[in-house]
Amino acid sequence: MKQITRLGKVTITALGLSMILGVQAALATSAISLSCPEKYIATVTNVEDVDSSAALQKVEVDFQIIQTLKGDEIRSKKLQVVKDGPIKFKSGEIYTLEANNIWLCSATAFSKI
């Protein structure tokens, strides 16, 4: 009987701990989302390789801002992204961008040519 009670306490403790960690993970996700204060609809105007000796090759993408959805009103923005990353930017394409200064948080293709 003691083993069953002991196992029950361990199970309850593990369940409580996982619930606490789950809440912390959810809070961490929210904090990441909140750290991207800029959102734009923008057209890619230029994509250029960045000279780098780093392991990950980068490209610098120039955007012309069509509309500011969140953050300061600006006319253009330059971002550096991984060259062989999940998004291959091409001139003329339109994206919804979320950024934090020079860092790209997300990009969703609005239209592709």
Protein backbone atom coordinates (compact mmCIF):
# COMPACT_ATOMS: atom_id res chain seq x y z
CA MET A 1 0.00 0.00 0.00
CA LYS A 2 2.89 2.38 0.75
CA GLN A 3 4.26 1.88 -2.77
CA ILE A 4 0.95 2.85 -4.33
CA THR A 5 0.69 5.98 -2.19
CA ARG A 6 4.29 6.84 -2.94
CA LEU A 7 3.76 6.35 -6.67
CA GLY A 8 0.66 8.53 -6.50
CA LYS A 9 2.61 11.37 -4.87
CA VAL A 10 5.36 11.10 -7.48
CA THR A 11 2.81 11.15 -10.28
CA ILE A 12 1.01 14.16 -8.82
CA THR A 13 4.31 15.97 -8.26
CA ALA A 14 5.44 15.25 -11.83
CA LEU A 15 2.08 16.40 -13.19
CA GLY A 16 2.25 19.64 -11.15
CA LEU A 17 5.82 20.28 -12.31
CA SER A 18 4.92 19.73 -15.96
CA MET A 19 1.99 22.15 -15.63
CA ILE A 20 4.29 24.82 -14.16
CA LEU A 21 6.87 24.29 -16.91
CA GLY A 22 4.12 24.42 -19.52
CA VAL A 23 2.99 27.82 -18.23
CA GLN A 24 6.57 29.09 -18.34
CA ALA A 25 6.96 27.87 -21.92
CA ALA A 26 3.75 29.66 -22.90
CA LEU A 27 5.02 32.85 -21.29
CA ALA A 28 8.32 32.53 -23.12
CA THR A 29 6.49 32.22 -26.43
CA SER A 30 4.50 35.36 -25.67
CA ALA A 31 7.67 37.25 -24.83
CA ILE A 32 9.16 36.34 -28.22
CA SER A 33 6.05 37.56 -30.03
CA LEU A 34 6.09 40.82 -28.09
CA SER A 35 9.71 41.49 -29.06
CA CYS A 36 8.81 42.09 -32.73
CA PRO A 37 7.39 45.62 -32.61
CA GLU A 38 7.44 46.31 -36.37
CA LYS A 39 5.04 44.95 -38.99
CA TYR A 40 4.91 45.99 -42.63
CA ILE A 41 3.61 45.08 -46.05
CA ALA A 42 6.61 45.52 -48.31
CA THR A 43 7.96 44.82 -51.80
CA VAL A 44 11.41 43.28 -52.29
CA THR A 45 13.48 45.74 -54.33
CA ASN A 46 16.92 44.11 -54.20
CA VAL A 47 18.61 40.95 -52.91
CA GLU A 48 22.40 41.02 -52.60
CA ASP A 49 24.97 38.56 -51.20
CA VAL A 50 26.78 39.69 -48.07
CA ASP A 51 30.54 39.09 -47.95
CA SER A 52 31.03 36.91 -44.92
CA SER A 53 33.44 34.29 -43.69
CA ALA A 54 30.78 32.93 -41.33
CA ALA A 55 29.48 29.38 -41.71
CA LEU A 56 26.01 30.65 -42.64
CA GLN A 57 26.03 32.75 -45.79
CA LYS A 58 23.68 35.75 -45.72
CA VAL A 59 21.89 38.00 -48.15
CA GLU A 60 20.83 41.59 -47.62
CA VAL A 61 17.25 42.18 -48.69
CA ASP A 62 16.01 45.70 -49.47
CA PHE A 63 12.30 46.32 -48.99
CA GLN A 64 10.14 49.25 -50.07
CA ILE A 65 7.42 49.67 -47.46
CA ILE A 66 3.90 49.76 -48.91
CA GLN A 67 2.08 50.02 -45.59
CA THR A 68 3.11 50.16 -41.93
CA LEU A 69 0.88 47.94 -39.82
CA LYS A 70 2.76 48.34 -36.53
CA GLY A 71 5.70 50.51 -35.49
CA ASP A 72 7.27 53.67 -36.90
CA GLU A 73 6.37 54.85 -40.39
CA ILE A 74 9.33 54.27 -42.71
CA ARG A 75 9.80 54.15 -46.49
CA SER A 76 12.33 51.32 -46.76
CA LYS A 77 14.06 48.66 -44.70
CA LYS A 78 17.17 46.49 -45.09
CA LEU A 79 17.36 43.08 -43.43
CA GLN A 80 20.03 40.40 -43.48
CA VAL A 81 18.76 36.82 -43.65
CA VAL A 82 20.32 33.40 -44.14
CA LYS A 83 20.95 32.81 -47.84
CA ASP A 84 19.73 29.22 -47.92
CA GLY A 85 17.00 29.74 -45.33
CA PRO A 86 13.36 28.78 -45.64
CA ILE A 87 12.44 31.93 -47.59
CA LYS A 88 14.10 32.80 -50.90
CA PHE A 89 13.36 36.49 -51.47
CA LYS A 90 13.13 37.73 -55.07
CA SER A 91 12.75 41.28 -56.41
CA GLY A 92 9.13 42.21 -57.02
CA GLU A 93 7.60 39.86 -54.45
CA ILE A 94 5.37 41.32 -51.73
CA TYR A 95 5.56 40.14 -48.11
CA THR A 96 4.02 40.86 -44.75
CA LEU A 97 7.08 41.30 -42.50
CA GLU A 98 7.51 41.34 -38.74
CA ALA A 99 10.84 42.65 -37.51
CA ASN A 100 12.78 43.94 -34.55
CA ASN A 101 15.17 46.56 -35.85
CA ILE A 102 17.53 44.59 -38.13
CA TRP A 103 16.18 41.13 -37.21
CA LEU A 104 13.49 39.41 -39.25
CA CYS A 105 10.92 37.70 -37.01
CA SER A 106 8.62 36.40 -39.75
CA ALA A 107 7.81 36.87 -43.42
CA THR A 108 4.65 35.72 -45.14
CA ALA A 109 4.36 35.87 -48.93
CA PHE A 110 1.59 38.34 -49.74
CA SER A 111 1.99 37.71 -53.47
CA LYS A 112 4.63 36.10 -55.64
CA ILE A 113 5.50 36.95 -59.22
